[in-house]
Amino acid sequence: MAITRILIAEDNDLVSLTLEEQLKGLGYDVIGIARSGTEAINLAGRLSPDLIIMDIRMPEMEGTEAAARIRDNNPVPIIMLTAYADKDTIRKAEAAGALGYLVKPVNENELPPAINIALARFREIQALRAEVVELQDSLEARKLIERAKGILMQRLGLSERDAYERLRQRARDKRAKMKDIAQAIIEAEELLGT
C-alpha cells in the first residue's frame, strides 16, 4: 500500500513542526508545508497531495477559503485544523468541504482515524460523482436514441422495435456507440429541415 502523501498548511512554525514530526512518526509522507492560504493552493496544485491538513486561520487567505478553492480546482480530502471548536468555525469548515476537523493541540492518536476517515469519505464522494456523471451520460444517450428512433419510425415507417434494431445494427456495423449513431440521425434530420 502506498504511503499517504500529506501537505500541511499551518503558519505557526511550532505547530507545523510538531505536526510534521507526528505524521512522519506514524509513517505518513509530509510533502510540504504551506505558511499561507495562497501558498496552500499553489502547493496543492503543484504537489498533488493525497490529503491536506489545513489551519483555518491563515495569513493572506483564510484556510476555509483556500480549502474551497482547492476543492474546486483539484479535489483532495482536507482536514481542518484549528484552536477553535465553536459552531460558526465548524460551519465554515463544513461549507469549505472539509472531511475532518482537528482541534489544536493535536493528539497524535487522533491523526490516523481522522486521516483514514477523510480518505474513505473522499473516495466515496469521488465514486458518487463519477456515478452521477455516468447516469447523466446514460440519460442523455437514452434521450438521443429515443429521438432518433422517432425519426426512423416516421421517415421509414418502422415499428419502435425495428427502429431500435436498425440503430443497434448500424452502431455495430460502424463500431460506434448507439448514442453517436442517434446523434448523426438527429443532425441529418435537422439538416434536411423536415
Protein backbone atom coordinates (compact mmCIF):
# COMPACT_ATOMS: atom_id res chain seq x y z
CA MET A 1 0.00 0.00 0.00
CA ALA A 2 1.34 3.43 -0.95
CA ILE A 3 2.31 5.88 1.76
CA THR A 4 -0.19 8.72 2.15
CA ARG A 5 1.33 12.00 0.96
CA ILE A 6 0.25 14.90 3.16
CA LEU A 7 0.52 18.66 2.73
CA ILE A 8 0.43 20.70 5.93
CA ALA A 9 -0.95 24.24 5.75
CA GLU A 10 -0.09 25.93 9.04
CA ASP A 11 1.55 29.32 9.62
CA ASN A 12 2.72 28.62 13.19
CA ASP A 13 6.21 27.09 12.95
CA LEU A 14 5.97 25.18 16.23
CA VAL A 15 2.58 23.66 15.35
CA SER A 16 3.65 22.73 11.82
CA LEU A 17 6.94 21.19 13.01
CA THR A 18 5.17 19.19 15.74
CA LEU A 19 2.51 18.00 13.30
CA GLU A 20 5.16 17.07 10.72
CA GLU A 21 7.07 15.00 13.30
CA GLN A 22 3.87 13.28 14.45
CA LEU A 23 2.84 12.42 10.91
CA LYS A 24 6.27 11.14 9.93
CA GLY A 25 6.41 9.09 13.13
CA LEU A 26 3.11 7.49 12.11
CA GLY A 27 4.50 6.57 8.67
CA TYR A 28 2.99 9.36 6.57
CA ASP A 29 4.95 11.31 3.97
CA VAL A 30 4.83 15.06 4.60
CA ILE A 31 5.48 16.52 1.14
CA GLY A 32 5.29 20.19 2.00
CA ILE A 33 4.35 22.90 4.48
CA ALA A 34 2.39 25.95 3.37
CA ARG A 35 2.59 29.07 5.54
CA SER A 36 -0.42 30.87 3.99
CA GLY A 37 -3.71 30.07 2.29
CA THR A 38 -2.34 31.23 -1.06
CA GLU A 39 0.74 29.04 -0.70
CA ALA A 40 -1.51 26.09 0.22
CA ILE A 41 -3.43 26.49 -3.06
CA ASN A 42 -0.19 26.69 -5.05
CA LEU A 43 1.43 23.71 -3.34
CA ALA A 44 -1.75 21.62 -3.62
CA GLY A 45 -1.78 22.20 -7.38
CA ARG A 46 1.93 21.54 -7.80
CA LEU A 47 2.45 18.61 -5.41
CA SER A 48 -0.91 16.77 -5.75
CA PRO A 49 -1.07 15.56 -2.15
CA ASP A 50 -3.30 12.68 -1.08
CA LEU A 51 -4.58 14.79 1.83
CA ILE A 52 -4.19 18.28 3.26
CA ILE A 53 -4.25 19.25 6.92
CA MET A 54 -5.08 22.97 6.91
CA ASP A 55 -5.29 25.55 9.65
CA ILE A 56 -8.44 27.65 9.47
CA ARG A 57 -6.75 30.92 10.46
CA MET A 58 -4.05 31.59 7.89
CA PRO A 59 -2.37 34.76 6.58
CA GLU A 60 -3.25 36.18 3.14
CA MET A 61 -6.31 33.93 2.84
CA GLU A 62 -8.39 32.06 5.40
CA GLY A 63 -7.91 28.31 5.40
CA THR A 64 -11.60 27.77 4.66
CA GLU A 65 -11.40 29.92 1.51
CA ALA A 66 -8.21 28.16 0.41
CA ALA A 67 -9.87 24.78 1.05
CA ALA A 68 -12.88 25.75 -1.07
CA ARG A 69 -10.63 26.87 -3.93
CA ILE A 70 -8.57 23.68 -3.73
CA ARG A 71 -11.77 21.63 -3.73
CA ASP A 72 -12.97 23.44 -6.88
CA ASN A 73 -9.64 23.25 -8.76
CA ASN A 74 -8.19 19.86 -7.88
CA PRO A 75 -10.25 18.00 -5.27
CA VAL A 76 -8.31 16.46 -2.41
CA PRO A 77 -9.50 15.50 1.08
CA ILE A 78 -8.91 18.27 3.60
CA ILE A 79 -8.87 18.08 7.37
CA MET A 80 -9.27 21.47 9.00
CA LEU A 81 -7.05 22.28 11.96
CA THR A 82 -7.95 24.96 14.46
CA ALA A 83 -7.72 26.10 18.06
CA TYR A 84 -11.45 26.91 17.91
CA ALA A 85 -14.34 24.50 18.28
CA ASP A 86 -17.27 26.94 18.13
CA LYS A 87 -20.28 26.26 15.89
CA ASP A 88 -19.52 29.12 13.49
CA THR A 89 -15.97 27.87 12.82
CA ILE A 90 -17.22 24.31 12.35
CA ARG A 91 -19.88 25.53 9.88
CA LYS A 92 -17.21 27.38 7.89
CA ALA A 93 -15.14 24.19 7.72
CA GLU A 94 -18.18 22.20 6.56
CA ALA A 95 -19.03 24.79 3.90
CA ALA A 96 -15.44 24.65 2.61
CA GLY A 97 -15.81 20.91 2.08
CA ALA A 98 -13.60 19.72 4.92
CA LEU A 99 -13.76 15.98 5.55
CA GLY A 100 -12.36 16.20 9.05
CA TYR A 101 -11.77 18.61 11.90
CA LEU A 102 -8.98 18.56 14.48
CA VAL A 103 -8.60 20.89 17.45
CA LYS A 104 -5.14 22.08 18.50
CA PRO A 105 -3.08 20.84 20.16
CA VAL A 106 -3.43 17.68 18.11
CA ASN A 107 -3.11 14.40 19.93
CA GLU A 108 -1.03 12.03 17.79
CA ASN A 109 -3.55 9.23 18.39
CA GLU A 110 -6.29 11.31 16.70
CA LEU A 111 -4.41 11.60 13.42
CA PRO A 112 -4.72 8.09 11.90
CA PRO A 113 -8.50 7.80 12.41
CA ALA A 114 -9.10 11.34 11.13
CA ILE A 115 -6.90 10.72 8.08
CA ASN A 116 -8.40 7.30 7.31
CA ILE A 117 -11.97 8.58 7.60
CA ALA A 118 -11.24 11.64 5.44
CA LEU A 119 -9.63 9.47 2.75
CA ALA A 120 -12.52 6.97 2.84
CA ARG A 121 -15.21 9.70 2.63
CA PHE A 122 -13.30 11.34 -0.23
CA ARG A 123 -13.20 8.07 -2.19
CA GLU A 124 -16.93 7.64 -1.62
CA ILE A 125 -17.65 11.18 -2.78
CA GLN A 126 -15.50 10.72 -5.89
CA ALA A 127 -17.26 7.43 -6.69
CA LEU A 128 -20.66 9.10 -6.30
CA ARG A 129 -19.61 11.97 -8.56
CA ALA A 130 -18.43 9.51 -11.20
CA GLU A 131 -21.74 7.63 -10.90
CA VAL A 132 -23.71 10.86 -11.34
CA VAL A 133 -21.73 11.71 -14.48
CA GLU A 134 -22.28 8.20 -15.81
CA LEU A 135 -26.02 8.40 -15.12
CA GLN A 136 -26.25 11.81 -16.78
CA ASP A 137 -24.44 10.45 -19.85
CA SER A 138 -26.71 7.42 -19.90
CA LEU A 139 -29.82 9.59 -19.66
CA GLU A 140 -28.55 11.87 -22.42
CA ALA A 141 -27.80 8.86 -24.62
CA ARG A 142 -31.26 7.44 -23.93
CA LYS A 143 -32.89 10.74 -24.96
CA LEU A 144 -30.90 10.83 -28.20
CA ILE A 145 -31.74 7.21 -29.00
CA GLU A 146 -35.45 7.80 -28.35
CA ARG A 147 -35.43 10.85 -30.60
CA ALA A 148 -33.56 9.01 -33.36
CA LYS A 149 -35.99 6.07 -33.09
CA GLY A 150 -38.85 8.52 -33.56
CA ILE A 151 -37.21 9.91 -36.67
CA LEU A 152 -36.66 6.44 -38.13
CA MET A 153 -40.21 5.39 -37.30
CA GLN A 154 -41.63 8.46 -39.02
CA ARG A 155 -39.32 8.50 -42.06
CA LEU A 156 -39.18 4.76 -42.74
CA GLY A 157 -42.47 3.63 -41.27
CA LEU A 158 -40.75 1.29 -38.83
CA SER A 159 -42.07 -0.06 -35.55
CA GLU A 160 -40.34 1.11 -32.39
CA ARG A 161 -38.59 -2.25 -32.06
CA ASP A 162 -37.43 -2.25 -35.71
CA ALA A 163 -36.17 1.35 -35.38
CA TYR A 164 -34.20 0.36 -32.29
CA GLU A 165 -32.77 -2.72 -34.01
CA ARG A 166 -31.75 -0.64 -37.03
CA LEU A 167 -29.92 1.80 -34.73
CA ARG A 168 -28.25 -1.05 -32.90
CA GLN A 169 -27.19 -2.79 -36.12
CA ARG A 170 -25.81 0.43 -37.58
CA ALA A 171 -23.79 1.03 -34.41
CA ARG A 172 -22.38 -2.50 -34.64
CA ASP A 173 -21.53 -2.11 -38.33
CA LYS A 174 -19.78 1.20 -37.74
CA ARG A 175 -18.25 0.04 -34.45
CA ALA A 176 -19.70 3.12 -32.83
CA LYS A 177 -21.87 3.86 -29.84
CA MET A 178 -25.61 3.93 -30.39
CA LYS A 179 -25.59 7.43 -28.94
CA ASP A 180 -23.27 8.60 -31.74
CA ILE A 181 -25.41 6.99 -34.45
CA ALA A 182 -28.51 8.55 -32.90
CA GLN A 183 -26.81 11.96 -32.86
CA ALA A 184 -25.90 11.60 -36.55
CA ILE A 185 -29.52 10.74 -37.44
CA ILE A 186 -30.81 13.74 -35.49
CA GLU A 187 -28.28 16.05 -37.15
CA ALA A 188 -29.20 14.70 -40.60
CA GLU A 189 -32.89 15.28 -39.84
CA GLU A 190 -32.14 18.83 -38.76
CA LEU A 191 -30.12 19.40 -41.92
CA LEU A 192 -32.96 18.16 -44.09
CA GLY A 193 -35.27 20.52 -42.22
CA THR A 194 -38.27 18.27 -42.09
